[in-house]
């Protein structure tokens, strides 16, 4: 008898790693990357407020349309809001500095490494993640030595669509063909990682915070559930 699932597709943030979703960084004792950017360019604008607004505008559009946006777009909008005519390289420096600070609290989630090590032995493991920067997920996988357990990544910022929009799942299936019924999708966000995959014909396993009608699995228990 063949295994029920040939593929296990993982969400990344909140599922394989713990992270702080805030768009702000630092502990308040030093300039954040947006504040440093504004200071370098002589802007007296409220960088924190402008940074918030740049993110909020893009996020509002993304929620309404399902289209993903990039950190480059956020940086460009932020520069415009503080009235700075910055070059692409200046904005890329802002992004690099911001991500350098943002990744500091990121940690591998308990049980993630063990689950991946077991599952990759007889499944194709793919990370399907919402993200605003193309290198962030691959770099973090490498940083935590998880990349050896992952065959591929499919990223919202690269495909132009974010979970739970069906176009992102369709893009993943087009790149890595498989009968959707043979895919187990694992994630911590109900709409993006459970309802979205189910509408695409996949099975979904929830590893987020438990709640009414939302029973959760521990990552360490996942391999046993997938083989049941």
C-alpha atoms as a PDB file:
ATOM      1  CA  UNK A   1       0.000   0.000   0.000  1.00  0.00           C
ATOM      2  CA  UNK A   2       1.380   3.409  -0.919  1.00  0.00           C
ATOM      3  CA  UNK A   3       1.734   6.120   1.683  1.00  0.00           C
ATOM      4  CA  UNK A   4      -1.217   8.471   2.061  1.00  0.00           C
ATOM      5  CA  UNK A   5       0.957  11.544   1.522  1.00  0.00           C
ATOM      6  CA  UNK A   6       3.912  11.942  -0.793  1.00  0.00           C
ATOM      7  CA  UNK A   7       4.409  15.621   0.015  1.00  0.00           C
ATOM      8  CA  UNK A   8       4.461  17.657   3.207  1.00  0.00           C
ATOM      9  CA  UNK A   9       4.226  21.396   2.623  1.00  0.00           C
ATOM     10  CA  UNK A  10       5.054  23.674   5.519  1.00  0.00           C
ATOM     11  CA  UNK A  11       4.256  27.249   6.311  1.00  0.00           C
ATOM     12  CA  UNK A  12       7.391  28.920   7.675  1.00  0.00           C
ATOM     13  CA  UNK A  13       6.809  31.831  10.068  1.00  0.00           C
ATOM     14  CA  UNK A  14       5.066  30.671  13.217  1.00  0.00           C
ATOM     15  CA  UNK A  15       5.238  27.052  12.064  1.00  0.00           C
ATOM     16  CA  UNK A  16       8.907  26.160  11.673  1.00  0.00           C
ATOM     17  CA  UNK A  17      10.251  29.256  13.416  1.00  0.00           C
ATOM     18  CA  UNK A  18       9.062  31.536  16.189  1.00  0.00           C
ATOM     19  CA  UNK A  19       9.204  35.232  15.337  1.00  0.00           C
ATOM     20  CA  UNK A  20       7.944  38.667  16.277  1.00  0.00           C
ATOM     21  CA  UNK A  21       5.474  39.868  13.618  1.00  0.00           C
ATOM     22  CA  UNK A  22       5.838  43.551  14.542  1.00  0.00           C
ATOM     23  CA  UNK A  23       7.216  45.827  11.831  1.00  0.00           C
ATOM     24  CA  UNK A  24       9.240  47.580  14.535  1.00  0.00           C
ATOM     25  CA  UNK A  25      12.656  46.476  15.748  1.00  0.00           C
ATOM     26  CA  UNK A  26      15.018  47.310  18.584  1.00  0.00           C
ATOM     27  CA  UNK A  27      14.504  48.038  22.257  1.00  0.00           C
ATOM     28  CA  UNK A  28      14.165  51.803  22.023  1.00  0.00           C
ATOM     29  CA  UNK A  29      17.758  52.530  23.056  1.00  0.00           C
ATOM     30  CA  UNK A  30      19.074  53.033  19.512  1.00  0.00           C
ATOM     31  CA  UNK A  31      17.802  54.282  16.197  1.00  0.00           C
ATOM     32  CA  UNK A  32      15.822  51.727  14.232  1.00  0.00           C
ATOM     33  CA  UNK A  33      16.697  51.199  10.570  1.00  0.00           C
ATOM     34  CA  UNK A  34      13.920  53.532   9.340  1.00  0.00           C
ATOM     35  CA  UNK A  35      14.946  56.219  11.839  1.00  0.00           C
ATOM     36  CA  UNK A  36      18.592  55.886  10.824  1.00  0.00           C
ATOM     37  CA  UNK A  37      17.595  56.122   7.165  1.00  0.00           C
ATOM     38  CA  UNK A  38      15.637  59.316   7.816  1.00  0.00           C
ATOM     39  CA  UNK A  39      18.536  60.806   9.790  1.00  0.00           C
ATOM     40  CA  UNK A  40      21.049  60.011   7.041  1.00  0.00           C
ATOM     41  CA  UNK A  41      18.901  61.881   4.548  1.00  0.00           C
ATOM     42  CA  UNK A  42      18.224  64.874   6.780  1.00  0.00           C
ATOM     43  CA  UNK A  43      14.521  64.197   7.181  1.00  0.00           C
ATOM     44  CA  UNK A  44      12.810  65.483  10.320  1.00  0.00           C
ATOM     45  CA  UNK A  45       9.662  63.475   9.677  1.00  0.00           C
ATOM     46  CA  UNK A  46       8.311  60.995  12.224  1.00  0.00           C
ATOM     47  CA  UNK A  47       9.967  57.891  10.799  1.00  0.00           C
ATOM     48  CA  UNK A  48       8.062  55.479  13.027  1.00  0.00           C
ATOM     49  CA  UNK A  49       4.692  56.807  11.946  1.00  0.00           C
ATOM     50  CA  UNK A  50       5.698  56.847   8.284  1.00  0.00           C
ATOM     51  CA  UNK A  51       7.056  53.293   8.503  1.00  0.00           C
ATOM     52  CA  UNK A  52       3.768  52.155  10.046  1.00  0.00           C
ATOM     53  CA  UNK A  53       1.788  53.881   7.329  1.00  0.00           C
ATOM     54  CA  UNK A  54       3.857  52.414   4.496  1.00  0.00           C
ATOM     55  CA  UNK A  55       3.251  48.900   5.816  1.00  0.00           C
ATOM     56  CA  UNK A  56      -0.425  49.505   6.590  1.00  0.00           C
ATOM     57  CA  UNK A  57      -1.207  50.827   3.107  1.00  0.00           C
ATOM     58  CA  UNK A  58       0.331  47.812   1.411  1.00  0.00           C
ATOM     59  CA  UNK A  59      -1.176  45.352   3.885  1.00  0.00           C
ATOM     60  CA  UNK A  60      -4.655  46.767   3.396  1.00  0.00           C
ATOM     61  CA  UNK A  61      -4.398  46.286  -0.360  1.00  0.00           C
ATOM     62  CA  UNK A  62      -2.975  42.767   0.057  1.00  0.00           C
ATOM     63  CA  UNK A  63      -5.769  41.645   2.363  1.00  0.00           C
ATOM     64  CA  UNK A  64      -8.354  42.941  -0.093  1.00  0.00           C
ATOM     65  CA  UNK A  65      -6.789  41.499  -3.260  1.00  0.00           C
ATOM     66  CA  UNK A  66      -4.604  38.575  -2.221  1.00  0.00           C
ATOM     67  CA  UNK A  67      -1.697  40.174  -4.081  1.00  0.00           C
ATOM     68  CA  UNK A  68       1.595  40.141  -2.220  1.00  0.00           C
ATOM     69  CA  UNK A  69       3.868  43.142  -1.805  1.00  0.00           C
ATOM     70  CA  UNK A  70       7.595  43.399  -1.315  1.00  0.00           C
ATOM     71  CA  UNK A  71       9.751  45.066   1.270  1.00  0.00           C
ATOM     72  CA  UNK A  72      11.191  47.083  -1.606  1.00  0.00           C
ATOM     73  CA  UNK A  73       7.737  48.569  -2.185  1.00  0.00           C
ATOM     74  CA  UNK A  74       7.400  49.368   1.510  1.00  0.00           C
ATOM     75  CA  UNK A  75      10.804  51.063   1.528  1.00  0.00           C
ATOM     76  CA  UNK A  76       9.950  53.142  -1.540  1.00  0.00           C
ATOM     77  CA  UNK A  77       6.656  54.281  -0.036  1.00  0.00           C
ATOM     78  CA  UNK A  78       8.341  55.065   3.276  1.00  0.00           C
ATOM     79  CA  UNK A  79      10.952  57.238   1.519  1.00  0.00           C
ATOM     80  CA  UNK A  80       8.181  59.119  -0.279  1.00  0.00           C
ATOM     81  CA  UNK A  81       6.267  59.682   2.958  1.00  0.00           C
ATOM     82  CA  UNK A  82       9.274  61.267   4.660  1.00  0.00           C
ATOM     83  CA  UNK A  83      10.016  63.275   1.483  1.00  0.00           C
ATOM     84  CA  UNK A  84      13.357  61.608   0.730  1.00  0.00           C
ATOM     85  CA  UNK A  85      14.454  61.100  -2.870  1.00  0.00           C
ATOM     86  CA  UNK A  86      16.489  57.961  -2.197  1.00  0.00           C
ATOM     87  CA  UNK A  87      18.253  55.806  -4.731  1.00  0.00           C
ATOM     88  CA  UNK A  88      17.502  52.109  -5.096  1.00  0.00           C
ATOM     89  CA  UNK A  89      20.790  51.303  -3.358  1.00  0.00           C
ATOM     90  CA  UNK A  90      19.849  53.594  -0.447  1.00  0.00           C
ATOM     91  CA  UNK A  91      16.530  51.797  -0.060  1.00  0.00           C
ATOM     92  CA  UNK A  92      18.207  48.401  -0.299  1.00  0.00           C
ATOM     93  CA  UNK A  93      20.530  49.448   2.534  1.00  0.00           C
ATOM     94  CA  UNK A  94      17.458  50.316   4.605  1.00  0.00           C
ATOM     95  CA  UNK A  95      16.036  46.858   3.896  1.00  0.00           C
ATOM     96  CA  UNK A  96      19.294  45.124   4.807  1.00  0.00           C
ATOM     97  CA  UNK A  97      19.544  47.041   8.078  1.00  0.00           C
ATOM     98  CA  UNK A  98      15.897  46.438   8.912  1.00  0.00           C
ATOM     99  CA  UNK A  99      16.102  42.686   8.281  1.00  0.00           C
ATOM    100  CA  UNK A 100      19.361  42.428  10.217  1.00  0.00           C
ATOM    101  CA  UNK A 101      17.509  43.665  13.280  1.00  0.00           C
ATOM    102  CA  UNK A 102      14.216  41.909  12.550  1.00  0.00           C
ATOM    103  CA  UNK A 103      15.724  38.405  12.442  1.00  0.00           C
ATOM    104  CA  UNK A 104      17.436  38.708  15.846  1.00  0.00           C
ATOM    105  CA  UNK A 105      14.562  37.134  17.855  1.00  0.00           C
ATOM    106  CA  UNK A 106      13.754  34.446  15.252  1.00  0.00           C
ATOM    107  CA  UNK A 107      14.212  30.938  16.667  1.00  0.00           C
ATOM    108  CA  UNK A 108      13.531  27.410  15.471  1.00  0.00           C
ATOM    109  CA  UNK A 109      10.248  26.217  16.911  1.00  0.00           C
ATOM    110  CA  UNK A 110      10.292  23.305  19.330  1.00  0.00           C
ATOM    111  CA  UNK A 111       9.943  20.038  17.450  1.00  0.00           C
ATOM    112  CA  UNK A 112      10.473  21.550  14.009  1.00  0.00           C
ATOM    113  CA  UNK A 113      13.926  20.147  13.387  1.00  0.00           C
ATOM    114  CA  UNK A 114      12.930  16.685  14.571  1.00  0.00           C
ATOM    115  CA  UNK A 115       9.763  16.659  12.452  1.00  0.00           C
ATOM    116  CA  UNK A 116      11.623  17.725   9.330  1.00  0.00           C
ATOM    117  CA  UNK A 117      14.399  15.193   9.887  1.00  0.00           C
ATOM    118  CA  UNK A 118      11.853  12.377  10.084  1.00  0.00           C
ATOM    119  CA  UNK A 119       9.535  13.497   7.297  1.00  0.00           C
ATOM    120  CA  UNK A 120      12.183  14.205   4.683  1.00  0.00           C
ATOM    121  CA  UNK A 121      13.186  10.541   4.707  1.00  0.00           C
ATOM    122  CA  UNK A 122      10.115   9.522   2.729  1.00  0.00           C
ATOM    123  CA  UNK A 123       8.321  12.727   1.726  1.00  0.00           C
ATOM    124  CA  UNK A 124       9.028  15.679  -0.499  1.00  0.00           C
ATOM    125  CA  UNK A 125       9.176  18.638   1.885  1.00  0.00           C
ATOM    126  CA  UNK A 126       8.382  22.082   0.496  1.00  0.00           C
ATOM    127  CA  UNK A 127       8.044  25.392   2.337  1.00  0.00           C
ATOM    128  CA  UNK A 128       5.164  27.549   1.057  1.00  0.00           C
ATOM    129  CA  UNK A 129       5.424  30.874   2.835  1.00  0.00           C
ATOM    130  CA  UNK A 130       4.035  34.370   2.814  1.00  0.00           C
ATOM    131  CA  UNK A 131       6.999  36.726   2.904  1.00  0.00           C
ATOM    132  CA  UNK A 132       7.951  40.191   1.686  1.00  0.00           C
ATOM    133  CA  UNK A 133      11.565  39.473   0.737  1.00  0.00           C
ATOM    134  CA  UNK A 134      12.835  36.745  -1.579  1.00  0.00           C
ATOM    135  CA  UNK A 135      15.959  35.884   0.402  1.00  0.00           C
ATOM    136  CA  UNK A 136      14.504  35.951   3.918  1.00  0.00           C
ATOM    137  CA  UNK A 137      13.112  32.411   4.107  1.00  0.00           C
ATOM    138  CA  UNK A 138      15.988  30.700   2.241  1.00  0.00           C
ATOM    139  CA  UNK A 139      18.549  32.575   4.342  1.00  0.00           C
ATOM    140  CA  UNK A 140      16.822  31.627   7.600  1.00  0.00           C
ATOM    141  CA  UNK A 141      16.559  27.993   6.526  1.00  0.00           C
ATOM    142  CA  UNK A 142      20.304  28.024   5.914  1.00  0.00           C
ATOM    143  CA  UNK A 143      21.029  29.928   9.125  1.00  0.00           C
ATOM    144  CA  UNK A 144      19.302  27.248  11.190  1.00  0.00           C
ATOM    145  CA  UNK A 145      20.623  24.319   9.112  1.00  0.00           C
ATOM    146  CA  UNK A 146      17.105  23.390   8.069  1.00  0.00           C
ATOM    147  CA  UNK A 147      17.733  23.723   4.345  1.00  0.00           C
ATOM    148  CA  UNK A 148      19.058  20.157   4.066  1.00  0.00           C
ATOM    149  CA  UNK A 149      15.576  18.934   5.062  1.00  0.00           C
ATOM    150  CA  UNK A 150      13.666  21.085   2.552  1.00  0.00           C
ATOM    151  CA  UNK A 151      13.497  20.297  -1.146  1.00  0.00           C
ATOM    152  CA  UNK A 152      12.172  23.663  -2.318  1.00  0.00           C
ATOM    153  CA  UNK A 153      10.503  26.918  -1.336  1.00  0.00           C
ATOM    154  CA  UNK A 154       7.521  28.682  -2.891  1.00  0.00           C
ATOM    155  CA  UNK A 155       7.289  32.300  -1.757  1.00  0.00           C
ATOM    156  CA  UNK A 156       4.397  34.721  -2.016  1.00  0.00           C
ATOM    157  CA  UNK A 157       6.626  37.650  -2.919  1.00  0.00           C
ATOM    158  CA  UNK A 158       8.038  35.710  -5.876  1.00  0.00           C
ATOM    159  CA  UNK A 159       4.680  34.434  -7.137  1.00  0.00           C
ATOM    160  CA  UNK A 160       2.785  37.679  -6.541  1.00  0.00           C
ATOM    161  CA  UNK A 161       0.019  36.037  -4.490  1.00  0.00           C
ATOM    162  CA  UNK A 162      -0.271  35.287  -0.781  1.00  0.00           C
ATOM    163  CA  UNK A 163      -1.987  32.538   1.178  1.00  0.00           C
ATOM    164  CA  UNK A 164      -4.849  31.834   1.370  1.00  0.00           C
ATOM    165  CA  UNK A 165      -5.420  32.990  -2.225  1.00  0.00           C
ATOM    166  CA  UNK A 166      -5.812  29.930  -4.466  1.00  0.00           C
ATOM    167  CA  UNK A 167      -3.327  31.304  -6.981  1.00  0.00           C
ATOM    168  CA  UNK A 168      -0.400  30.695  -4.635  1.00  0.00           C
ATOM    169  CA  UNK A 169      -1.346  27.041  -4.138  1.00  0.00           C
ATOM    170  CA  UNK A 170      -1.883  26.714  -7.890  1.00  0.00           C
ATOM    171  CA  UNK A 171       1.572  28.171  -8.516  1.00  0.00           C
ATOM    172  CA  UNK A 172       3.127  25.700  -6.089  1.00  0.00           C
ATOM    173  CA  UNK A 173       1.329  22.779  -7.727  1.00  0.00           C
ATOM    174  CA  UNK A 174       2.438  23.953 -11.166  1.00  0.00           C
ATOM    175  CA  UNK A 175       6.072  24.117 -10.081  1.00  0.00           C
ATOM    176  CA  UNK A 176       6.012  20.867  -8.120  1.00  0.00           C
ATOM    177  CA  UNK A 177       3.281  18.715  -9.658  1.00  0.00           C
ATOM    178  CA  UNK A 178       1.457  16.312  -7.369  1.00  0.00           C
ATOM    179  CA  UNK A 179      -2.118  15.225  -6.822  1.00  0.00           C
ATOM    180  CA  UNK A 180      -3.328  17.718  -4.160  1.00  0.00           C
ATOM    181  CA  UNK A 181      -4.870  14.844  -2.204  1.00  0.00           C
ATOM    182  CA  UNK A 182      -1.332  13.552  -1.609  1.00  0.00           C
ATOM    183  CA  UNK A 183      -0.224  16.815   0.025  1.00  0.00           C
ATOM    184  CA  UNK A 184      -0.286  17.414   3.778  1.00  0.00           C
ATOM    185  CA  UNK A 185      -0.127  21.140   4.484  1.00  0.00           C
ATOM    186  CA  UNK A 186       1.153  22.162   7.920  1.00  0.00           C
ATOM    187  CA  UNK A 187       0.755  25.624   9.385  1.00  0.00           C
ATOM    188  CA  UNK A 188      -0.185  27.818  12.322  1.00  0.00           C
ATOM    189  CA  UNK A 189      -2.673  30.244  10.740  1.00  0.00           C
ATOM    190  CA  UNK A 190      -6.175  28.914  10.256  1.00  0.00           C
ATOM    191  CA  UNK A 191      -7.309  30.772   7.138  1.00  0.00           C
ATOM    192  CA  UNK A 192      -3.953  30.701   5.334  1.00  0.00           C
ATOM    193  CA  UNK A 193      -2.738  27.242   6.315  1.00  0.00           C
ATOM    194  CA  UNK A 194      -5.897  25.228   6.881  1.00  0.00           C
ATOM    195  CA  UNK A 195      -8.813  26.682   4.936  1.00  0.00           C
ATOM    196  CA  UNK A 196      -6.679  27.724   1.944  1.00  0.00           C
ATOM    197  CA  UNK A 197      -5.014  24.328   1.430  1.00  0.00           C
ATOM    198  CA  UNK A 198      -8.294  22.487   1.939  1.00  0.00           C
ATOM    199  CA  UNK A 199      -9.938  24.544  -0.788  1.00  0.00           C
ATOM    200  CA  UNK A 200      -7.020  23.535  -3.014  1.00  0.00           C
ATOM    201  CA  UNK A 201      -7.778  19.861  -2.375  1.00  0.00           C
ATOM    202  CA  UNK A 202      -5.054  19.231   0.208  1.00  0.00           C
ATOM    203  CA  UNK A 203      -5.225  17.906   3.746  1.00  0.00           C
ATOM    204  CA  UNK A 204      -4.286  20.406   6.437  1.00  0.00           C
ATOM    205  CA  UNK A 205      -2.701  19.950   9.846  1.00  0.00           C
ATOM    206  CA  UNK A 206      -2.935  22.821  12.297  1.00  0.00           C
ATOM    207  CA  UNK A 207      -0.011  23.511  14.642  1.00  0.00           C
ATOM    208  CA  UNK A 208      -1.091  26.924  15.895  1.00  0.00           C
ATOM    209  CA  UNK A 209      -2.779  28.009  19.105  1.00  0.00           C
ATOM    210  CA  UNK A 210      -5.694  25.661  19.887  1.00  0.00           C
ATOM    211  CA  UNK A 211      -9.185  27.048  20.140  1.00  0.00           C
ATOM    212  CA  UNK A 212     -12.859  26.132  19.726  1.00  0.00           C
ATOM    213  CA  UNK A 213     -13.142  23.829  16.691  1.00  0.00           C
ATOM    214  CA  UNK A 214      -9.416  24.306  16.102  1.00  0.00           C
ATOM    215  CA  UNK A 215      -7.579  21.359  17.673  1.00  0.00           C
ATOM    216  CA  UNK A 216      -3.827  21.660  17.294  1.00  0.00           C
ATOM    217  CA  UNK A 217      -1.037  19.144  16.851  1.00  0.00           C
ATOM    218  CA  UNK A 218       2.452  19.335  18.278  1.00  0.00           C
ATOM    219  CA  UNK A 219       5.142  19.306  15.601  1.00  0.00           C
ATOM    220  CA  UNK A 220       6.784  16.318  17.274  1.00  0.00           C
ATOM    221  CA  UNK A 221       3.549  14.330  16.815  1.00  0.00           C
ATOM    222  CA  UNK A 222       3.155  15.271  13.160  1.00  0.00           C
ATOM    223  CA  UNK A 223       5.041  12.350  11.558  1.00  0.00           C
ATOM    224  CA  UNK A 224       2.868   9.825  13.373  1.00  0.00           C
ATOM    225  CA  UNK A 225      -0.329  11.558  12.255  1.00  0.00           C
ATOM    226  CA  UNK A 226       0.815  11.702   8.631  1.00  0.00           C
ATOM    227  CA  UNK A 227       1.538   7.983   8.568  1.00  0.00           C
ATOM    228  CA  UNK A 228      -1.704   6.975  10.294  1.00  0.00           C
END
